Amino acid sequence: MYNFKEIESEKYISLETYRKNNQAVKTPVLFVIKDNLIYVVTGDKTGKIKRLRNNLQVKFALCTIKGKVTGELVSGTAKILTEEETKEVVKWRGKKYGLFWKIVSRLDRKKGKFSAFSIKITE
């Protein structure tokens, strides 16, 4: 079983999502862990959400702010959350990241309204 305790205090994961032609796209994202699931908040008009609508399979690993992978790559399945679930995840993210989150959330708002998804590990 995956050890979430080892990564929950980290700031970034490199999220790998897939285009329609199966080409991988890696993006560093902020994340929150709750109940053995990883949650990510982003704008609803981002490429991540567009790619997840076509393919819910993902991979992730710990990374730096610039996306340099520093941990092991893990496979998972994403689930795009409802508007109500997204509101809850936004609160969790705010608690984890504090002032930094407020800055990031202003940038995310330029990418549409908030959207969130969970990642369940499949390995």
Protein backbone atom coordinates (compact mmCIF):
# COMPACT_ATOMS: atom_id res chain seq x y z
CA MET A 1 0.00 0.00 0.00
CA TYR A 2 1.24 3.48 -0.88
CA ASN A 3 2.55 5.56 2.04
CA PHE A 4 0.74 8.89 1.84
CA LYS A 5 2.37 10.08 5.09
CA GLU A 6 5.69 10.33 3.24
CA ILE A 7 4.40 12.89 0.75
CA GLU A 8 1.59 14.82 2.47
CA SER A 9 3.90 17.58 3.75
CA GLU A 10 5.46 18.08 0.30
CA LYS A 11 4.28 20.97 -1.88
CA TYR A 12 4.30 19.68 -5.46
CA ILE A 13 3.67 16.61 -7.52
CA SER A 14 4.41 16.22 -11.20
CA LEU A 15 1.08 15.19 -12.72
CA GLU A 16 1.23 13.24 -15.97
CA THR A 17 -1.93 13.36 -18.07
CA TYR A 18 -2.42 12.18 -21.64
CA ARG A 19 -3.46 13.80 -24.91
CA LYS A 20 -5.83 12.03 -27.29
CA ASN A 21 -2.78 10.64 -29.14
CA ASN A 22 -1.53 9.22 -25.77
CA GLN A 23 1.36 11.69 -25.59
CA ALA A 24 2.18 12.36 -21.93
CA VAL A 25 2.08 15.92 -20.55
CA LYS A 26 3.73 16.57 -17.16
CA THR A 27 2.68 19.53 -15.04
CA PRO A 28 3.78 20.48 -11.49
CA VAL A 29 0.68 20.97 -9.29
CA LEU A 30 -0.18 21.69 -5.67
CA PHE A 31 -2.01 18.86 -3.94
CA VAL A 32 -3.81 17.80 -0.78
CA ILE A 33 -4.20 14.30 0.65
CA LYS A 34 -7.36 13.13 2.40
CA ASP A 35 -8.66 9.59 2.99
CA ASN A 36 -5.92 7.98 0.86
CA LEU A 37 -6.77 10.10 -2.17
CA ILE A 38 -4.78 12.94 -3.72
CA TYR A 39 -6.75 16.08 -4.60
CA VAL A 40 -5.78 18.79 -7.07
CA VAL A 41 -7.50 22.13 -7.73
CA THR A 42 -7.06 23.90 -11.05
CA GLY A 43 -8.95 26.12 -13.45
CA ASP A 44 -11.73 24.40 -15.40
CA LYS A 45 -10.27 25.66 -18.71
CA THR A 46 -6.77 24.20 -18.19
CA GLY A 47 -5.25 21.53 -20.38
CA LYS A 48 -5.18 19.15 -17.40
CA ILE A 49 -8.96 19.12 -17.13
CA LYS A 50 -9.39 18.89 -20.91
CA ARG A 51 -7.05 15.87 -21.04
CA LEU A 52 -8.73 14.21 -18.03
CA ARG A 53 -12.12 14.45 -19.75
CA ASN A 54 -10.67 12.17 -22.44
CA ASN A 55 -8.51 9.87 -20.30
CA LEU A 56 -8.69 9.49 -16.51
CA GLN A 57 -5.44 7.52 -16.27
CA VAL A 58 -2.63 9.53 -14.66
CA LYS A 59 0.81 9.15 -13.15
CA PHE A 60 2.39 11.34 -10.50
CA ALA A 61 5.63 11.77 -8.60
CA LEU A 62 7.04 14.29 -6.15
CA CYS A 63 8.74 17.18 -7.90
CA THR A 64 10.21 20.66 -7.53
CA ILE A 65 8.30 23.87 -8.29
CA LYS A 66 9.78 23.70 -11.82
CA GLY A 67 8.57 20.13 -12.34
CA LYS A 68 11.87 18.24 -11.86
CA VAL A 69 10.77 14.79 -10.68
CA THR A 70 12.30 13.83 -7.33
CA GLY A 71 10.23 10.78 -6.41
CA GLU A 72 8.97 7.51 -7.79
CA LEU A 73 6.33 7.54 -10.54
CA VAL A 74 2.99 6.12 -9.36
CA SER A 75 -0.06 5.21 -11.49
CA GLY A 76 -3.57 6.31 -10.62
CA THR A 77 -7.06 7.00 -11.87
CA ALA A 78 -8.52 10.49 -11.67
CA LYS A 79 -12.12 11.47 -10.97
CA ILE A 80 -13.35 14.98 -11.81
CA LEU A 81 -15.29 16.30 -8.82
CA THR A 82 -18.64 18.08 -8.60
CA GLU A 83 -18.88 21.79 -7.87
CA GLU A 84 -19.75 21.08 -4.22
CA GLU A 85 -16.84 18.66 -3.80
CA THR A 86 -14.53 21.20 -5.43
CA LYS A 87 -15.53 23.87 -2.87
CA GLU A 88 -14.48 21.49 -0.07
CA VAL A 89 -11.12 20.70 -1.71
CA VAL A 90 -10.44 24.43 -2.21
CA LYS A 91 -10.83 24.85 1.58
CA TRP A 92 -8.41 21.97 2.25
CA ARG A 93 -5.87 23.47 -0.12
CA GLY A 94 -6.19 26.84 1.62
CA LYS A 95 -5.44 25.23 4.99
CA LYS A 96 -2.36 23.42 3.67
CA TYR A 97 -0.79 26.28 1.69
CA GLY A 98 -1.94 29.43 3.56
CA LEU A 99 -0.77 32.74 2.02
CA PHE A 100 0.97 30.94 -0.84
CA TRP A 101 -2.41 29.44 -1.77
CA LYS A 102 -4.02 32.88 -1.97
CA ILE A 103 -1.44 33.97 -4.54
CA VAL A 104 -1.82 30.76 -6.57
CA SER A 105 -5.62 30.90 -6.44
CA ARG A 106 -5.60 34.34 -8.07
CA LEU A 107 -3.57 32.90 -10.93
CA ASP A 108 -5.88 29.86 -11.19
CA ARG A 109 -8.94 32.10 -11.47
CA LYS A 110 -7.61 33.46 -14.75
CA LYS A 111 -7.95 29.89 -16.05
CA GLY A 112 -11.71 29.74 -15.46
CA LYS A 113 -13.64 28.81 -12.35
CA PHE A 114 -12.17 26.25 -9.99
CA SER A 115 -12.33 22.59 -10.87
CA ALA A 116 -10.90 19.75 -8.79
CA PHE A 117 -10.15 16.10 -9.21
CA SER A 118 -9.10 13.23 -7.03
CA ILE A 119 -6.49 10.61 -7.79
CA LYS A 120 -6.83 7.04 -6.57
CA ILE A 121 -3.68 4.95 -6.74
CA THR A 122 -4.04 1.88 -8.95
CA GLU A 123 -0.73 0.12 -8.19
